[in-house]
Amino acid sequence: MSLEHGGAHFSMLYDAVACRLVVDALSHSGPAVPSRLPFGTCLTVNLPGVRPHEAVAATAVTGANFTAEILNATKVPAEPPLRAYAQ
C-alpha cells in the first residue's frame, strides 16, 4: 500500500521500526533518535509474533473500516462552533 493511501499510518500498528521508535521516544527524554535503534532493526518488517499475512489482513480491514467511516460520516456545511471545554 502506498504512503499516499494511508499505508504509512496503517502499517504503524505492526511495523517493527515504528514500534522501536515509539519505545525509544518513551524511554528517553525528547524525541526518538533512529541512531539508537539496534543495528538491523530495519531488516525486520513486522513486530515479533506478527506474520506477514496477518499484517496484510490488518491493513485491509483497517482500510475498509476507515473508508466506510469516511463515506458514512455526517456531512456538515461548515465547522461547528468550538465546544466550551475546548476553549
N, C-alpha and C. Protein backbone atom coordinates (compact mmCIF):
# COMPACT_ATOMS: atom_id res chain seq x y z
N MET A 1 0.85 -1.17 0.00
CA MET A 1 0.00 0.00 0.00
C MET A 1 0.89 1.23 0.00
N SER A 2 0.58 2.18 -0.84
CA SER A 2 1.42 3.37 -0.96
C SER A 2 1.18 4.33 0.20
N LEU A 3 2.16 5.19 0.43
CA LEU A 3 2.05 6.14 1.53
C LEU A 3 0.88 7.10 1.36
N GLU A 4 0.62 7.52 0.12
CA GLU A 4 -0.46 8.49 -0.08
C GLU A 4 -1.84 7.88 0.16
N HIS A 5 -1.94 6.59 0.24
CA HIS A 5 -3.21 5.93 0.54
C HIS A 5 -3.28 5.43 1.97
N GLY A 6 -2.48 5.95 2.84
CA GLY A 6 -2.56 5.60 4.25
C GLY A 6 -1.68 4.45 4.68
N GLY A 7 -0.87 3.91 3.78
CA GLY A 7 -0.03 2.78 4.14
C GLY A 7 0.87 3.05 5.32
N ALA A 8 1.40 4.25 5.38
CA ALA A 8 2.29 4.59 6.49
C ALA A 8 1.55 4.59 7.81
N HIS A 9 0.33 5.05 7.82
CA HIS A 9 -0.43 5.11 9.07
C HIS A 9 -0.88 3.73 9.51
N PHE A 10 -1.45 2.96 8.63
CA PHE A 10 -1.96 1.64 9.00
C PHE A 10 -0.84 0.70 9.41
N SER A 11 0.26 0.75 8.70
CA SER A 11 1.34 -0.19 8.99
C SER A 11 2.04 0.09 10.31
N MET A 12 1.85 1.28 10.86
CA MET A 12 2.47 1.58 12.16
C MET A 12 1.94 0.67 13.26
N LEU A 13 0.79 0.05 13.02
CA LEU A 13 0.21 -0.84 14.02
C LEU A 13 1.03 -2.11 14.23
N TYR A 14 1.78 -2.52 13.23
CA TYR A 14 2.53 -3.77 13.32
C TYR A 14 3.98 -3.65 12.84
N ASP A 15 4.41 -2.46 12.47
CA ASP A 15 5.74 -2.24 11.91
C ASP A 15 6.81 -2.28 12.99
N ALA A 16 7.84 -3.07 12.78
CA ALA A 16 8.91 -3.24 13.77
C ALA A 16 9.68 -1.95 14.02
N VAL A 17 9.98 -1.21 12.97
CA VAL A 17 10.74 0.03 13.12
C VAL A 17 9.90 1.08 13.86
N ALA A 18 8.64 1.21 13.49
CA ALA A 18 7.77 2.17 14.17
C ALA A 18 7.67 1.85 15.66
N CYS A 19 7.54 0.58 15.98
CA CYS A 19 7.46 0.17 17.38
C CYS A 19 8.75 0.52 18.12
N ARG A 20 9.88 0.24 17.52
CA ARG A 20 11.17 0.55 18.16
C ARG A 20 11.33 2.06 18.36
N LEU A 21 10.86 2.85 17.39
CA LEU A 21 10.95 4.30 17.53
C LEU A 21 10.06 4.81 18.67
N VAL A 22 8.88 4.25 18.79
CA VAL A 22 7.99 4.63 19.89
C VAL A 22 8.62 4.27 21.23
N VAL A 23 9.15 3.06 21.34
CA VAL A 23 9.80 2.64 22.58
C VAL A 23 10.99 3.54 22.89
N ASP A 24 11.76 3.91 21.87
CA ASP A 24 12.90 4.79 22.07
C ASP A 24 12.44 6.15 22.59
N ALA A 25 11.39 6.71 21.99
CA ALA A 25 10.90 8.02 22.42
C ALA A 25 10.38 7.97 23.86
N LEU A 26 9.72 6.89 24.22
CA LEU A 26 9.17 6.77 25.57
C LEU A 26 10.24 6.46 26.61
N SER A 27 11.35 5.92 26.17
CA SER A 27 12.42 5.51 27.09
C SER A 27 13.46 6.59 27.33
N HIS A 28 13.42 7.66 26.54
CA HIS A 28 14.43 8.71 26.64
C HIS A 28 13.74 10.08 26.68
N SER A 29 14.45 11.04 27.18
CA SER A 29 13.96 12.41 27.16
C SER A 29 14.04 12.93 25.72
N GLY A 30 12.99 13.58 25.26
CA GLY A 30 12.99 14.11 23.90
C GLY A 30 12.45 13.12 22.89
N PRO A 31 12.59 13.45 21.62
CA PRO A 31 12.05 12.59 20.56
C PRO A 31 12.88 11.33 20.34
N ALA A 32 12.33 10.44 19.55
CA ALA A 32 13.06 9.22 19.17
C ALA A 32 14.29 9.61 18.35
N VAL A 33 15.34 8.83 18.52
CA VAL A 33 16.58 9.05 17.77
C VAL A 33 16.88 7.75 17.03
N PRO A 34 16.68 7.72 15.72
CA PRO A 34 16.88 6.48 14.96
C PRO A 34 18.24 5.83 15.16
N SER A 35 19.27 6.61 15.39
CA SER A 35 20.60 6.02 15.56
C SER A 35 20.72 5.19 16.83
N ARG A 36 19.77 5.32 17.75
CA ARG A 36 19.79 4.50 18.96
C ARG A 36 19.19 3.11 18.73
N LEU A 37 18.53 2.91 17.60
CA LEU A 37 17.93 1.61 17.33
C LEU A 37 19.03 0.58 17.07
N PRO A 38 18.78 -0.66 17.47
CA PRO A 38 19.78 -1.71 17.22
C PRO A 38 20.04 -1.89 15.73
N PHE A 39 21.29 -2.20 15.40
CA PHE A 39 21.64 -2.47 14.01
C PHE A 39 20.77 -3.60 13.49
N GLY A 40 20.25 -3.46 12.30
CA GLY A 40 19.43 -4.50 11.70
C GLY A 40 17.94 -4.34 11.96
N THR A 41 17.54 -3.35 12.74
CA THR A 41 16.12 -3.15 13.02
C THR A 41 15.32 -3.01 11.73
N CYS A 42 15.88 -2.31 10.76
CA CYS A 42 15.17 -2.07 9.51
C CYS A 42 15.03 -3.33 8.66
N LEU A 43 15.75 -4.37 9.00
CA LEU A 43 15.62 -5.63 8.26
C LEU A 43 14.43 -6.44 8.74
N THR A 44 13.86 -6.06 9.88
CA THR A 44 12.68 -6.74 10.41
C THR A 44 11.46 -5.96 9.97
N VAL A 45 10.54 -6.62 9.29
CA VAL A 45 9.38 -5.93 8.76
C VAL A 45 8.29 -5.76 9.82
N ASN A 46 7.89 -6.84 10.44
CA ASN A 46 6.78 -6.81 11.38
C ASN A 46 7.25 -6.99 12.82
N LEU A 47 6.38 -6.63 13.74
CA LEU A 47 6.65 -6.89 15.15
C LEU A 47 6.81 -8.38 15.37
N PRO A 48 7.56 -8.78 16.38
CA PRO A 48 7.66 -10.21 16.69
C PRO A 48 6.26 -10.79 16.93
N GLY A 49 6.00 -11.92 16.35
CA GLY A 49 4.71 -12.58 16.51
C GLY A 49 3.67 -12.19 15.48
N VAL A 50 3.95 -11.18 14.66
CA VAL A 50 3.01 -10.78 13.61
C VAL A 50 3.50 -11.37 12.30
N ARG A 51 2.71 -12.28 11.75
CA ARG A 51 3.08 -12.92 10.48
C ARG A 51 2.66 -12.03 9.31
N PRO A 52 3.36 -12.13 8.19
CA PRO A 52 3.06 -11.26 7.05
C PRO A 52 1.60 -11.26 6.63
N HIS A 53 0.96 -12.43 6.58
CA HIS A 53 -0.44 -12.46 6.14
C HIS A 53 -1.35 -11.76 7.15
N GLU A 54 -0.98 -11.74 8.42
CA GLU A 54 -1.77 -11.03 9.43
C GLU A 54 -1.64 -9.52 9.24
N ALA A 55 -0.44 -9.08 8.89
CA ALA A 55 -0.22 -7.65 8.65
C ALA A 55 -1.02 -7.19 7.43
N VAL A 56 -1.02 -7.98 6.38
CA VAL A 56 -1.78 -7.64 5.18
C VAL A 56 -3.27 -7.60 5.50
N ALA A 57 -3.75 -8.58 6.25
CA ALA A 57 -5.17 -8.61 6.62
C ALA A 57 -5.54 -7.41 7.49
N ALA A 58 -4.67 -7.07 8.44
CA ALA A 58 -4.94 -5.92 9.32
C ALA A 58 -5.02 -4.63 8.52
N THR A 59 -4.14 -4.48 7.54
CA THR A 59 -4.16 -3.28 6.71
C THR A 59 -5.44 -3.22 5.88
N ALA A 60 -5.85 -4.35 5.33
CA ALA A 60 -7.07 -4.39 4.52
C ALA A 60 -8.30 -4.06 5.36
N VAL A 61 -8.41 -4.65 6.53
CA VAL A 61 -9.57 -4.42 7.40
C VAL A 61 -9.59 -2.97 7.87
N THR A 62 -8.44 -2.46 8.29
CA THR A 62 -8.37 -1.08 8.76
C THR A 62 -8.72 -0.11 7.64
N GLY A 63 -8.20 -0.37 6.45
CA GLY A 63 -8.52 0.48 5.31
C GLY A 63 -9.99 0.46 4.96
N ALA A 64 -10.60 -0.72 5.00
CA ALA A 64 -12.03 -0.84 4.70
C ALA A 64 -12.86 -0.12 5.75
N ASN A 65 -12.51 -0.27 7.01
CA ASN A 65 -13.24 0.41 8.08
C ASN A 65 -13.10 1.92 7.97
N PHE A 66 -11.90 2.38 7.69
CA PHE A 66 -11.66 3.82 7.53
C PHE A 66 -12.49 4.37 6.37
N THR A 67 -12.48 3.68 5.25
CA THR A 67 -13.25 4.11 4.09
C THR A 67 -14.73 4.16 4.40
N ALA A 68 -15.25 3.14 5.09
CA ALA A 68 -16.66 3.11 5.45
C ALA A 68 -17.02 4.29 6.36
N GLU A 69 -16.16 4.59 7.31
CA GLU A 69 -16.41 5.72 8.22
C GLU A 69 -16.44 7.04 7.45
N ILE A 70 -15.51 7.22 6.54
CA ILE A 70 -15.47 8.47 5.76
C ILE A 70 -16.71 8.59 4.88
N LEU A 71 -17.09 7.52 4.22
CA LEU A 71 -18.24 7.56 3.32
C LEU A 71 -19.55 7.74 4.07
N ASN A 72 -19.63 7.23 5.30
CA ASN A 72 -20.88 7.29 6.06
C ASN A 72 -20.90 8.41 7.10
N ALA A 73 -19.88 9.23 7.14
CA ALA A 73 -19.82 10.31 8.13
C ALA A 73 -20.90 11.35 7.84
N THR A 74 -21.41 11.95 8.91
CA THR A 74 -22.38 13.02 8.76
C THR A 74 -21.71 14.22 8.11
N LYS A 75 -22.33 14.72 7.07
CA LYS A 75 -21.77 15.86 6.34
C LYS A 75 -22.36 17.15 6.94
N VAL A 76 -21.52 18.15 7.13
CA VAL A 76 -21.97 19.44 7.65
C VAL A 76 -21.51 20.54 6.69
N PRO A 77 -22.28 21.62 6.59
CA PRO A 77 -21.91 22.68 5.65
C PRO A 77 -20.72 23.52 6.10
N ALA A 78 -20.43 23.50 7.42
CA ALA A 78 -19.32 24.31 7.94
C ALA A 78 -18.84 23.69 9.25
N GLU A 79 -17.70 24.16 9.72
CA GLU A 79 -17.19 23.70 11.01
C GLU A 79 -18.18 24.07 12.11
N PRO A 80 -18.49 23.14 13.01
CA PRO A 80 -19.37 23.50 14.13
C PRO A 80 -18.62 24.42 15.10
N PRO A 81 -19.35 25.15 15.95
CA PRO A 81 -18.66 26.02 16.90
C PRO A 81 -17.83 25.20 17.88
N LEU A 82 -16.76 25.80 18.37
CA LEU A 82 -15.88 25.14 19.32
C LEU A 82 -16.63 24.94 20.63
N ARG A 83 -16.58 23.73 21.16
CA ARG A 83 -17.27 23.45 22.42
C ARG A 83 -16.56 24.14 23.58
N ALA A 84 -17.31 24.41 24.62
CA ALA A 84 -16.80 25.18 25.76
C ALA A 84 -15.55 24.55 26.38
N TYR A 85 -15.53 23.22 26.50
CA TYR A 85 -14.40 22.57 27.15
C TYR A 85 -13.10 22.71 26.36
N ALA A 86 -13.20 23.05 25.09
CA ALA A 86 -12.01 23.16 24.25
C ALA A 86 -11.53 24.61 24.10
N GLN A 87 -12.23 25.53 24.70
CA GLN A 87 -11.85 26.95 24.57
C GLN A 87 -10.84 27.35 25.62
